Structure formats: C-alpha cells, structure tokens
Amino acid sequence: ILDMNQRSADVNSGGEKIIGNNLYHCHPPRAAEILRSLY
C-alpha cells in the first residue's frame, strides 16, 4: 500500500493508515488470487 485516503483507513483498518502493509496479508486466498491476476 503506497497511499490511502482517510475513508479507506476507516473502512479497512479501523482508522489507521496502513501504508507499507501488503494487500495479500489482508485478503483471503481467493481475493489474493484475483489480485495476482489483475497485476
């Protein structure tokens, strides 16, 4: 994660901006596979 607005932080991480974290760590396997395909 390079950047996120405050609404993203509120919805995805309890209000904390988790810049630097990895999307694969916060998605279930099926969603992570979809992300890999998009990339």
PDB file of all heavy atoms in Angstrom:
ATOM      1  N   ILE A   1       0.842  -1.186   0.000  1.00  0.00           N
ATOM      2  CA  ILE A   1       0.000   0.000   0.000  1.00  0.00           C
ATOM      3  C   ILE A   1       0.880   1.239   0.000  1.00  0.00           C
ATOM      4  O   ILE A   1       1.696   1.438   0.907  1.00  0.00           O
ATOM      5  CB  ILE A   1      -0.950   0.000   1.218  1.00  0.00           C
ATOM      6  CG1 ILE A   1      -1.883  -1.217   1.136  1.00  0.00           C
ATOM      7  CG2 ILE A   1      -1.744   1.304   1.278  1.00  0.00           C
ATOM      8  CD1 ILE A   1      -2.722  -1.442   2.378  1.00  0.00           C
ATOM      9  N   LEU A   2       0.723   2.055  -1.047  1.00  0.00           N
ATOM     10  CA  LEU A   2       1.503   3.284  -1.184  1.00  0.00           C
ATOM     11  C   LEU A   2       0.787   4.472  -0.567  1.00  0.00           C
ATOM     12  O   LEU A   2       1.426   5.386  -0.044  1.00  0.00           O
ATOM     13  CB  LEU A   2       1.759   3.590  -2.667  1.00  0.00           C
ATOM     14  CG  LEU A   2       2.546   2.559  -3.449  1.00  0.00           C
ATOM     15  CD1 LEU A   2       2.615   2.970  -4.918  1.00  0.00           C
ATOM     16  CD2 LEU A   2       3.932   2.384  -2.865  1.00  0.00           C
ATOM     17  N   ASP A   3      -0.541   4.474  -0.653  1.00  0.00           N
ATOM     18  CA  ASP A   3      -1.310   5.595  -0.139  1.00  0.00           C
ATOM     19  C   ASP A   3      -2.756   5.167   0.043  1.00  0.00           C
ATOM     20  O   ASP A   3      -3.209   4.193  -0.574  1.00  0.00           O
ATOM     21  CB  ASP A   3      -1.234   6.777  -1.113  1.00  0.00           C
ATOM     22  CG  ASP A   3      -1.361   8.125  -0.426  1.00  0.00           C
ATOM     23  OD1 ASP A   3      -1.749   8.171   0.764  1.00  0.00           O
ATOM     24  OD2 ASP A   3      -1.083   9.146  -1.078  1.00  0.00           O
ATOM     25  N   MET A   4      -3.458   5.877   0.900  1.00  0.00           N
ATOM     26  CA  MET A   4      -4.879   5.631   1.111  1.00  0.00           C
ATOM     27  C   MET A   4      -5.482   6.890   1.709  1.00  0.00           C
ATOM     28  O   MET A   4      -4.807   7.617   2.442  1.00  0.00           O
ATOM     29  CB  MET A   4      -5.101   4.421   2.025  1.00  0.00           C
ATOM     30  CG  MET A   4      -4.512   4.549   3.396  1.00  0.00           C
ATOM     31  SD  MET A   4      -4.399   3.034   4.409  1.00  0.00           S
ATOM     32  CE  MET A   4      -5.800   2.089   4.017  1.00  0.00           C
ATOM     33  N   ASN A   5      -6.724   7.163   1.356  1.00  0.00           N
ATOM     34  CA  ASN A   5      -7.374   8.299   1.984  1.00  0.00           C
ATOM     35  C   ASN A   5      -7.947   7.870   3.335  1.00  0.00           C
ATOM     36  O   ASN A   5      -7.925   6.684   3.687  1.00  0.00           O
ATOM     37  CB  ASN A   5      -8.411   8.950   1.064  1.00  0.00           C
ATOM     38  CG  ASN A   5      -9.646   8.111   0.822  1.00  0.00           C
ATOM     39  OD1 ASN A   5      -9.713   6.929   1.166  1.00  0.00           O
ATOM     40  ND2 ASN A   5     -10.641   8.724   0.216  1.00  0.00           N
ATOM     41  N   GLN A   6      -8.443   8.837   4.096  1.00  0.00           N
ATOM     42  CA  GLN A   6      -8.917   8.512   5.438  1.00  0.00           C
ATOM     43  C   GLN A   6     -10.103   7.564   5.405  1.00  0.00           C
ATOM     44  O   GLN A   6     -10.224   6.693   6.267  1.00  0.00           O
ATOM     45  CB  GLN A   6      -9.271   9.789   6.220  1.00  0.00           C
ATOM     46  CG  GLN A   6      -9.570   9.518   7.686  1.00  0.00           C
ATOM     47  CD  GLN A   6      -8.410   8.842   8.412  1.00  0.00           C
ATOM     48  OE1 GLN A   6      -7.268   9.292   8.317  1.00  0.00           O
ATOM     49  NE2 GLN A   6      -8.698   7.760   9.137  1.00  0.00           N
ATOM     50  N   ARG A   7     -10.986   7.673   4.406  1.00  0.00           N
ATOM     51  CA  ARG A   7     -12.131   6.756   4.321  1.00  0.00           C
ATOM     52  C   ARG A   7     -11.653   5.322   4.138  1.00  0.00           C
ATOM     53  O   ARG A   7     -12.205   4.391   4.723  1.00  0.00           O
ATOM     54  CB  ARG A   7     -13.079   7.174   3.187  1.00  0.00           C
ATOM     55  CG  ARG A   7     -14.317   6.336   3.088  1.00  0.00           C
ATOM     56  CD  ARG A   7     -15.170   6.495   4.331  1.00  0.00           C
ATOM     57  NE  ARG A   7     -16.338   5.622   4.241  1.00  0.00           N
ATOM     58  CZ  ARG A   7     -17.017   5.197   5.277  1.00  0.00           C
ATOM     59  NH1 ARG A   7     -16.689   5.577   6.489  1.00  0.00           N
ATOM     60  NH2 ARG A   7     -18.037   4.407   5.116  1.00  0.00           N
ATOM     61  N   SER A   8     -10.626   5.105   3.345  1.00  0.00           N
ATOM     62  CA  SER A   8     -10.067   3.768   3.171  1.00  0.00           C
ATOM     63  C   SER A   8      -9.521   3.255   4.497  1.00  0.00           C
ATOM     64  O   SER A   8      -9.747   2.096   4.868  1.00  0.00           O
ATOM     65  CB  SER A   8      -8.963   3.777   2.115  1.00  0.00           C
ATOM     66  OG  SER A   8      -8.362   2.510   2.012  1.00  0.00           O
ATOM     67  N   ALA A   9      -8.821   4.108   5.231  1.00  0.00           N
ATOM     68  CA  ALA A   9      -8.291   3.705   6.544  1.00  0.00           C
ATOM     69  C   ALA A   9      -9.426   3.364   7.502  1.00  0.00           C
ATOM     70  O   ALA A   9      -9.364   2.373   8.222  1.00  0.00           O
ATOM     71  CB  ALA A   9      -7.419   4.819   7.116  1.00  0.00           C
ATOM     72  N   ASP A  10     -10.490   4.168   7.482  1.00  0.00           N
ATOM     73  CA  ASP A  10     -11.626   3.921   8.372  1.00  0.00           C
ATOM     74  C   ASP A  10     -12.281   2.580   8.074  1.00  0.00           C
ATOM     75  O   ASP A  10     -12.598   1.810   8.986  1.00  0.00           O
ATOM     76  CB  ASP A  10     -12.678   5.032   8.231  1.00  0.00           C
ATOM     77  CG  ASP A  10     -12.179   6.378   8.742  1.00  0.00           C
ATOM     78  OD1 ASP A  10     -11.179   6.418   9.492  1.00  0.00           O
ATOM     79  OD2 ASP A  10     -12.798   7.393   8.366  1.00  0.00           O
ATOM     80  N   VAL A  11     -12.469   2.286   6.787  1.00  0.00           N
ATOM     81  CA  VAL A  11     -13.175   1.071   6.373  1.00  0.00           C
ATOM     82  C   VAL A  11     -12.299  -0.178   6.505  1.00  0.00           C
ATOM     83  O   VAL A  11     -12.772  -1.237   6.909  1.00  0.00           O
ATOM     84  CB  VAL A  11     -13.662   1.211   4.908  1.00  0.00           C
ATOM     85  CG1 VAL A  11     -14.167  -0.099   4.345  1.00  0.00           C
ATOM     86  CG2 VAL A  11     -14.739   2.278   4.807  1.00  0.00           C
ATOM     87  N   ASN A  12     -11.018  -0.050   6.175  1.00  0.00           N
ATOM     88  CA  ASN A  12     -10.157  -1.226   6.056  1.00  0.00           C
ATOM     89  C   ASN A  12      -9.277  -1.511   7.266  1.00  0.00           C
ATOM     90  O   ASN A  12      -8.796  -2.634   7.418  1.00  0.00           O
ATOM     91  CB  ASN A  12      -9.275  -1.101   4.815  1.00  0.00           C
ATOM     92  CG  ASN A  12     -10.090  -1.116   3.548  1.00  0.00           C
ATOM     93  OD1 ASN A  12     -10.910  -2.001   3.340  1.00  0.00           O
ATOM     94  ND2 ASN A  12      -9.879  -0.133   2.691  1.00  0.00           N
ATOM     95  N   SER A  13      -9.041  -0.515   8.109  1.00  0.00           N
ATOM     96  CA  SER A  13      -8.083  -0.752   9.191  1.00  0.00           C
ATOM     97  C   SER A  13      -8.395   0.045  10.452  1.00  0.00           C
ATOM     98  O   SER A  13      -7.470   0.500  11.138  1.00  0.00           O
ATOM     99  CB  SER A  13      -6.666  -0.455   8.701  1.00  0.00           C
ATOM    100  OG  SER A  13      -6.586   0.863   8.185  1.00  0.00           O
ATOM    101  N   GLY A  14      -9.665   0.214  10.738  1.00  0.00           N
ATOM    102  CA  GLY A  14     -10.047   0.860  11.984  1.00  0.00           C
ATOM    103  C   GLY A  14      -9.576   2.287  12.140  1.00  0.00           C
ATOM    104  O   GLY A  14      -9.375   2.762  13.246  1.00  0.00           O
ATOM    105  N   GLY A  15      -9.363   2.980  11.020  1.00  0.00           N
ATOM    106  CA  GLY A  15      -8.955   4.378  11.055  1.00  0.00           C
ATOM    107  C   GLY A  15      -7.469   4.622  10.932  1.00  0.00           C
ATOM    108  O   GLY A  15      -7.033   5.743  10.736  1.00  0.00           O
ATOM    109  N   GLU A  16      -6.672   3.551  11.025  1.00  0.00           N
ATOM    110  CA  GLU A  16      -5.218   3.689  10.927  1.00  0.00           C
ATOM    111  C   GLU A  16      -4.780   3.536   9.476  1.00  0.00           C
ATOM    112  O   GLU A  16      -5.150   2.578   8.796  1.00  0.00           O
ATOM    113  CB  GLU A  16      -4.537   2.613  11.772  1.00  0.00           C
ATOM    114  CG  GLU A  16      -3.036   2.644  11.698  1.00  0.00           C
ATOM    115  CD  GLU A  16      -2.386   1.487  12.436  1.00  0.00           C
ATOM    116  OE1 GLU A  16      -3.094   0.739  13.140  1.00  0.00           O
ATOM    117  OE2 GLU A  16      -1.167   1.334  12.290  1.00  0.00           O
ATOM    118  N   LYS A  17      -3.976   4.463   9.006  1.00  0.00           N
ATOM    119  CA  LYS A  17      -3.423   4.336   7.659  1.00  0.00           C
ATOM    120  C   LYS A  17      -2.320   3.294   7.695  1.00  0.00           C
ATOM    121  O   LYS A  17      -1.333   3.453   8.422  1.00  0.00           O
ATOM    122  CB  LYS A  17      -2.917   5.683   7.149  1.00  0.00           C
ATOM    123  CG  LYS A  17      -4.047   6.644   6.871  1.00  0.00           C
ATOM    124  CD  LYS A  17      -3.587   7.798   6.041  1.00  0.00           C
ATOM    125  CE  LYS A  17      -4.782   8.667   5.696  1.00  0.00           C
ATOM    126  NZ  LYS A  17      -4.409   9.754   4.800  1.00  0.00           N
ATOM    127  N   ILE A  18      -2.508   2.241   6.939  1.00  0.00           N
ATOM    128  CA  ILE A  18      -1.572   1.110   6.966  1.00  0.00           C
ATOM    129  C   ILE A  18      -0.657   1.130   5.739  1.00  0.00           C
ATOM    130  O   ILE A  18      -0.393   0.105   5.123  1.00  0.00           O
ATOM    131  CB  ILE A  18      -2.337  -0.224   7.100  1.00  0.00           C
ATOM    132  CG1 ILE A  18      -3.430  -0.357   6.036  1.00  0.00           C
ATOM    133  CG2 ILE A  18      -2.908  -0.359   8.499  1.00  0.00           C
ATOM    134  CD1 ILE A  18      -4.094  -1.725   5.984  1.00  0.00           C
ATOM    135  N   ILE A  19      -0.175   2.313   5.424  1.00  0.00           N
ATOM    136  CA  ILE A  19       0.745   2.479   4.300  1.00  0.00           C
ATOM    137  C   ILE A  19       1.985   1.641   4.579  1.00  0.00           C
ATOM    138  O   ILE A  19       2.534   1.651   5.678  1.00  0.00           O
ATOM    139  CB  ILE A  19       1.075   3.971   4.095  1.00  0.00           C
ATOM    140  CG1 ILE A  19      -0.213   4.700   3.667  1.00  0.00           C
ATOM    141  CG2 ILE A  19       2.194   4.153   3.083  1.00  0.00           C
ATOM    142  CD1 ILE A  19      -0.118   6.197   3.705  1.00  0.00           C
ATOM    143  N   GLY A  20       2.400   0.884   3.563  1.00  0.00           N
ATOM    144  CA  GLY A  20       3.539  -0.016   3.712  1.00  0.00           C
ATOM    145  C   GLY A  20       3.124  -1.460   3.919  1.00  0.00           C
ATOM    146  O   GLY A  20       3.895  -2.370   3.648  1.00  0.00           O
ATOM    147  N   ASN A  21       1.902  -1.682   4.402  1.00  0.00           N
ATOM    148  CA  ASN A  21       1.410  -3.057   4.546  1.00  0.00           C
ATOM    149  C   ASN A  21       1.112  -3.648   3.177  1.00  0.00           C
ATOM    150  O   ASN A  21       0.975  -2.936   2.192  1.00  0.00           O
ATOM    151  CB  ASN A  21       0.144  -3.088   5.405  1.00  0.00           C
ATOM    152  CG  ASN A  21       0.440  -2.877   6.873  1.00  0.00           C
ATOM    153  OD1 ASN A  21       1.476  -2.359   7.245  1.00  0.00           O
ATOM    154  ND2 ASN A  21      -0.497  -3.263   7.714  1.00  0.00           N
ATOM    155  N   ASN A  22       0.990  -4.957   3.133  1.00  0.00           N
ATOM    156  CA  ASN A  22       0.767  -5.647   1.874  1.00  0.00           C
ATOM    157  C   ASN A  22      -0.683  -6.111   1.752  1.00  0.00           C
ATOM    158  O   ASN A  22      -1.251  -6.656   2.702  1.00  0.00           O
ATOM    159  CB  ASN A  22       1.715  -6.843   1.760  1.00  0.00           C
ATOM    160  CG  ASN A  22       1.753  -7.386   0.364  1.00  0.00           C
ATOM    161  OD1 ASN A  22       0.862  -8.109  -0.055  1.00  0.00           O
ATOM    162  ND2 ASN A  22       2.784  -7.020  -0.376  1.00  0.00           N
ATOM    163  N   LEU A  23      -1.262  -5.909   0.575  1.00  0.00           N
ATOM    164  CA  LEU A  23      -2.653  -6.300   0.320  1.00  0.00           C
ATOM    165  C   LEU A  23      -2.880  -7.790   0.498  1.00  0.00           C
ATOM    166  O   LEU A  23      -3.964  -8.212   0.910  1.00  0.00           O
ATOM    167  CB  LEU A  23      -3.063  -5.913  -1.108  1.00  0.00           C
ATOM    168  CG  LEU A  23      -3.141  -4.432  -1.431  1.00  0.00           C
ATOM    169  CD1 LEU A  23      -3.439  -4.239  -2.911  1.00  0.00           C
ATOM    170  CD2 LEU A  23      -4.192  -3.747  -0.576  1.00  0.00           C
ATOM    171  N   TYR A  24      -1.880  -8.588   0.196  1.00  0.00           N
ATOM    172  CA  TYR A  24      -2.044 -10.040   0.283  1.00  0.00           C
ATOM    173  C   TYR A  24      -2.222 -10.512   1.728  1.00  0.00           C
ATOM    174  O   TYR A  24      -2.785 -11.564   1.966  1.00  0.00           O
ATOM    175  CB  TYR A  24      -0.871 -10.762  -0.371  1.00  0.00           C
ATOM    176  CG  TYR A  24      -0.785 -10.491  -1.859  1.00  0.00           C
ATOM    177  CD1 TYR A  24       0.311  -9.841  -2.398  1.00  0.00           C
ATOM    178  CD2 TYR A  24      -1.802 -10.867  -2.722  1.00  0.00           C
ATOM    179  CE1 TYR A  24       0.396  -9.586  -3.763  1.00  0.00           C
ATOM    180  CE2 TYR A  24      -1.736 -10.609  -4.075  1.00  0.00           C
ATOM    181  CZ  TYR A  24      -0.632  -9.972  -4.588  1.00  0.00           C
ATOM    182  OH  TYR A  24      -0.571  -9.715  -5.936  1.00  0.00           O
ATOM    183  N   HIS A  25      -1.761  -9.713   2.677  1.00  0.00           N
ATOM    184  CA  HIS A  25      -1.888 -10.094   4.087  1.00  0.00           C
ATOM    185  C   HIS A  25      -3.273  -9.804   4.653  1.00  0.00           C
ATOM    186  O   HIS A  25      -3.604 -10.286   5.728  1.00  0.00           O
ATOM    187  CB  HIS A  25      -0.828  -9.384   4.939  1.00  0.00           C
ATOM    188  CG  HIS A  25       0.563  -9.746   4.540  1.00  0.00           C
ATOM    189  ND1 HIS A  25       1.606  -8.873   4.634  1.00  0.00           N
ATOM    190  CD2 HIS A  25       1.079 -10.888   4.024  1.00  0.00           C
ATOM    191  CE1 HIS A  25       2.718  -9.453   4.203  1.00  0.00           C
ATOM    192  NE2 HIS A  25       2.418 -10.678   3.827  1.00  0.00           N
ATOM    193  N   CYS A  26      -4.056  -8.999   3.945  1.00  0.00           N
ATOM    194  CA  CYS A  26      -5.383  -8.640   4.471  1.00  0.00           C
ATOM    195  C   CYS A  26      -6.517  -9.108   3.553  1.00  0.00           C
ATOM    196  O   CYS A  26      -7.635  -8.616   3.661  1.00  0.00           O
ATOM    197  CB  CYS A  26      -5.471  -7.141   4.739  1.00  0.00           C
ATOM    198  SG  CYS A  26      -5.060  -6.085   3.350  1.00  0.00           S
ATOM    199  N   HIS A  27      -6.228 -10.035   2.661  1.00  0.00           N
ATOM    200  CA  HIS A  27      -7.253 -10.605   1.784  1.00  0.00           C
ATOM    201  C   HIS A  27      -7.237 -12.131   1.892  1.00  0.00           C
ATOM    202  O   HIS A  27      -6.159 -12.725   2.016  1.00  0.00           O
ATOM    203  CB  HIS A  27      -7.015 -10.207   0.317  1.00  0.00           C
ATOM    204  CG  HIS A  27      -7.398  -8.797   0.014  1.00  0.00           C
ATOM    205  ND1 HIS A  27      -6.571  -7.732   0.281  1.00  0.00           N
ATOM    206  CD2 HIS A  27      -8.521  -8.271  -0.528  1.00  0.00           C
ATOM    207  CE1 HIS A  27      -7.164  -6.617  -0.090  1.00  0.00           C
ATOM    208  NE2 HIS A  27      -8.359  -6.919  -0.579  1.00  0.00           N
ATOM    209  N   PRO A  28      -8.408 -12.755   1.814  1.00  0.00           N
ATOM    210  CA  PRO A  28      -8.448 -14.217   1.810  1.00  0.00           C
ATOM    211  C   PRO A  28      -7.819 -14.765   0.522  1.00  0.00           C
ATOM    212  O   PRO A  28      -7.645 -14.022  -0.455  1.00  0.00           O
ATOM    213  CB  PRO A  28      -9.939 -14.542   1.906  1.00  0.00           C
ATOM    214  CG  PRO A  28     -10.645 -13.321   1.464  1.00  0.00           C
ATOM    215  CD  PRO A  28      -9.737 -12.154   1.749  1.00  0.00           C
ATOM    216  N   PRO A  29      -7.485 -16.051   0.487  1.00  0.00           N
ATOM    217  CA  PRO A  29      -6.791 -16.631  -0.663  1.00  0.00           C
ATOM    218  C   PRO A  29      -7.471 -16.370  -2.019  1.00  0.00           C
ATOM    219  O   PRO A  29      -6.792 -16.040  -2.992  1.00  0.00           O
ATOM    220  CB  PRO A  29      -6.754 -18.123  -0.348  1.00  0.00           C
ATOM    221  CG  PRO A  29      -6.780 -18.184   1.135  1.00  0.00           C
ATOM    222  CD  PRO A  29      -7.649 -17.026   1.575  1.00  0.00           C
ATOM    223  N   ARG A  30      -8.789 -16.500  -2.083  1.00  0.00           N
ATOM    224  CA  ARG A  30      -9.480 -16.287  -3.366  1.00  0.00           C
ATOM    225  C   ARG A  30      -9.289 -14.848  -3.853  1.00  0.00           C
ATOM    226  O   ARG A  30      -8.989 -14.605  -5.024  1.00  0.00           O
ATOM    227  CB  ARG A  30     -10.963 -16.603  -3.234  1.00  0.00           C
ATOM    228  CG  ARG A  30     -11.725 -16.405  -4.532  1.00  0.00           C
ATOM    229  CD  ARG A  30     -13.219 -16.749  -4.381  1.00  0.00           C
ATOM    230  NE  ARG A  30     -13.966 -16.409  -5.558  1.00  0.00           N
ATOM    231  CZ  ARG A  30     -14.421 -15.188  -5.845  1.00  0.00           C
ATOM    232  NH1 ARG A  30     -14.213 -14.187  -5.023  1.00  0.00           N
ATOM    233  NH2 ARG A  30     -15.096 -14.968  -6.945  1.00  0.00           N
ATOM    234  N   ALA A  31      -9.449 -13.881  -2.973  1.00  0.00           N
ATOM    235  CA  ALA A  31      -9.276 -12.475  -3.339  1.00  0.00           C
ATOM    236  C   ALA A  31      -7.818 -12.188  -3.708  1.00  0.00           C
ATOM    237  O   ALA A  31      -7.543 -11.430  -4.645  1.00  0.00           O
ATOM    238  CB  ALA A  31      -9.727 -11.574  -2.200  1.00  0.00           C
ATOM    239  N   ALA A  32      -6.881 -12.784  -2.995  1.00  0.00           N
ATOM    240  CA  ALA A  32      -5.463 -12.594  -3.299  1.00  0.00           C
ATOM    241  C   ALA A  32      -5.133 -13.127  -4.695  1.00  0.00           C
ATOM    242  O   ALA A  32      -4.349 -12.519  -5.429  1.00  0.00           O
ATOM    243  CB  ALA A  32      -4.596 -13.279  -2.244  1.00  0.00           C
ATOM    244  N   GLU A  33      -5.749 -14.235  -5.065  1.00  0.00           N
ATOM    245  CA  GLU A  33      -5.526 -14.795  -6.401  1.00  0.00           C
ATOM    246  C   GLU A  33      -6.075 -13.860  -7.481  1.00  0.00           C
ATOM    247  O   GLU A  33      -5.451 -13.680  -8.530  1.00  0.00           O
ATOM    248  CB  GLU A  33      -6.161 -16.186  -6.508  1.00  0.00           C
ATOM    249  CG  GLU A  33      -5.706 -16.966  -7.713  1.00  0.00           C
ATOM    250  CD  GLU A  33      -4.191 -17.116  -7.799  1.00  0.00           C
ATOM    251  OE1 GLU A  33      -3.542 -17.352  -6.761  1.00  0.00           O
ATOM    252  OE2 GLU A  33      -3.641 -16.975  -8.917  1.00  0.00           O
ATOM    253  N   ILE A  34      -7.216 -13.259  -7.223  1.00  0.00           N
ATOM    254  CA  ILE A  34      -7.768 -12.284  -8.171  1.00  0.00           C
ATOM    255  C   ILE A  34      -6.825 -11.098  -8.304  1.00  0.00           C
ATOM    256  O   ILE A  34      -6.542 -10.638  -9.425  1.00  0.00           O
ATOM    257  CB  ILE A  34      -9.178 -11.826  -7.733  1.00  0.00           C
ATOM    258  CG1 ILE A  34     -10.169 -12.982  -7.867  1.00  0.00           C
ATOM    259  CG2 ILE A  34      -9.641 -10.619  -8.553  1.00  0.00           C
ATOM    260  CD1 ILE A  34     -11.521 -12.738  -7.224  1.00  0.00           C
ATOM    261  N   LEU A  35      -6.302 -10.610  -7.194  1.00  0.00           N
ATOM    262  CA  LEU A  35      -5.344  -9.501  -7.244  1.00  0.00           C
ATOM    263  C   LEU A  35      -4.112  -9.869  -8.063  1.00  0.00           C
ATOM    264  O   LEU A  35      -3.656  -9.078  -8.896  1.00  0.00           O
ATOM    265  CB  LEU A  35      -4.920  -9.092  -5.830  1.00  0.00           C
ATOM    266  CG  LEU A  35      -5.955  -8.343  -5.001  1.00  0.00           C
ATOM    267  CD1 LEU A  35      -5.471  -8.199  -3.560  1.00  0.00           C
ATOM    268  CD2 LEU A  35      -6.254  -6.985  -5.605  1.00  0.00           C
ATOM    269  N   ARG A  36      -3.582 -11.066  -7.851  1.00  0.00           N
ATOM    270  CA  ARG A  36      -2.405 -11.508  -8.627  1.00  0.00           C
ATOM    271  C   ARG A  36      -2.703 -11.482 -10.127  1.00  0.00           C
ATOM    272  O   ARG A  36      -1.868 -11.062 -10.931  1.00  0.00           O
ATOM    273  CB  ARG A  36      -1.970 -12.900  -8.201  1.00  0.00           C
ATOM    274  CG  ARG A  36      -1.217 -12.933  -6.900  1.00  0.00           C
ATOM    275  CD  ARG A  36      -0.711 -14.346  -6.559  1.00  0.00           C
ATOM    276  NE  ARG A  36      -0.089 -14.359  -5.257  1.00  0.00           N
ATOM    277  CZ  ARG A  36      -0.749 -14.486  -4.101  1.00  0.00           C
ATOM    278  NH1 ARG A  36      -2.053 -14.636  -4.090  1.00  0.00           N
ATOM    279  NH2 ARG A  36      -0.096 -14.467  -2.952  1.00  0.00           N
ATOM    280  N   SER A  37      -3.899 -11.911 -10.498  1.00  0.00           N
ATOM    281  CA  SER A  37      -4.301 -11.910 -11.905  1.00  0.00           C
ATOM    282  C   SER A  37      -4.415 -10.482 -12.449  1.00  0.00           C
ATOM    283  O   SER A  37      -4.018 -10.213 -13.587  1.00  0.00           O
ATOM    284  CB  SER A  37      -5.636 -12.644 -12.069  1.00  0.00           C
ATOM    285  OG  SER A  37      -6.085 -12.562 -13.390  1.00  0.00           O
ATOM    286  N   LEU A  38      -4.938  -9.576 -11.643  1.00  0.00           N
ATOM    287  CA  LEU A  38      -5.044  -8.182 -12.084  1.00  0.00           C
ATOM    288  C   LEU A  38      -3.674  -7.588 -12.343  1.00  0.00           C
ATOM    289  O   LEU A  38      -3.456  -6.903 -13.347  1.00  0.00           O
ATOM    290  CB  LEU A  38      -5.786  -7.348 -11.037  1.00  0.00           C
ATOM    291  CG  LEU A  38      -7.236  -7.717 -10.748  1.00  0.00           C
ATOM    292  CD1 LEU A  38      -7.804  -6.827  -9.661  1.00  0.00           C
ATOM    293  CD2 LEU A  38      -8.084  -7.642 -12.003  1.00  0.00           C
ATOM    294  N   TYR A  39      -2.739  -7.852 -11.428  1.00  0.00           N
ATOM    295  CA  TYR A  39      -1.366  -7.357 -11.616  1.00  0.00           C
ATOM    296  C   TYR A  39      -0.716  -7.994 -12.845  1.00  0.00           C
ATOM    297  O   TYR A  39      -0.110  -7.306 -13.656  1.00  0.00           O
ATOM    298  CB  TYR A  39      -0.506  -7.659 -10.385  1.00  0.00           C
ATOM    299  CG  TYR A  39      -0.777  -6.781  -9.192  1.00  0.00           C
ATOM    300  CD1 TYR A  39      -1.354  -7.313  -8.042  1.00  0.00           C
ATOM    301  CD2 TYR A  39      -0.442  -5.433  -9.197  1.00  0.00           C
ATOM    302  CE1 TYR A  39      -1.585  -6.518  -6.926  1.00  0.00           C
ATOM    303  CE2 TYR A  39      -0.676  -4.633  -8.089  1.00  0.00           C
ATOM    304  CZ  TYR A  39      -1.250  -5.187  -6.966  1.00  0.00           C
ATOM    305  OH  TYR A  39      -1.483  -4.395  -5.871  1.00  0.00           O
TER     306      TYR A  39
END
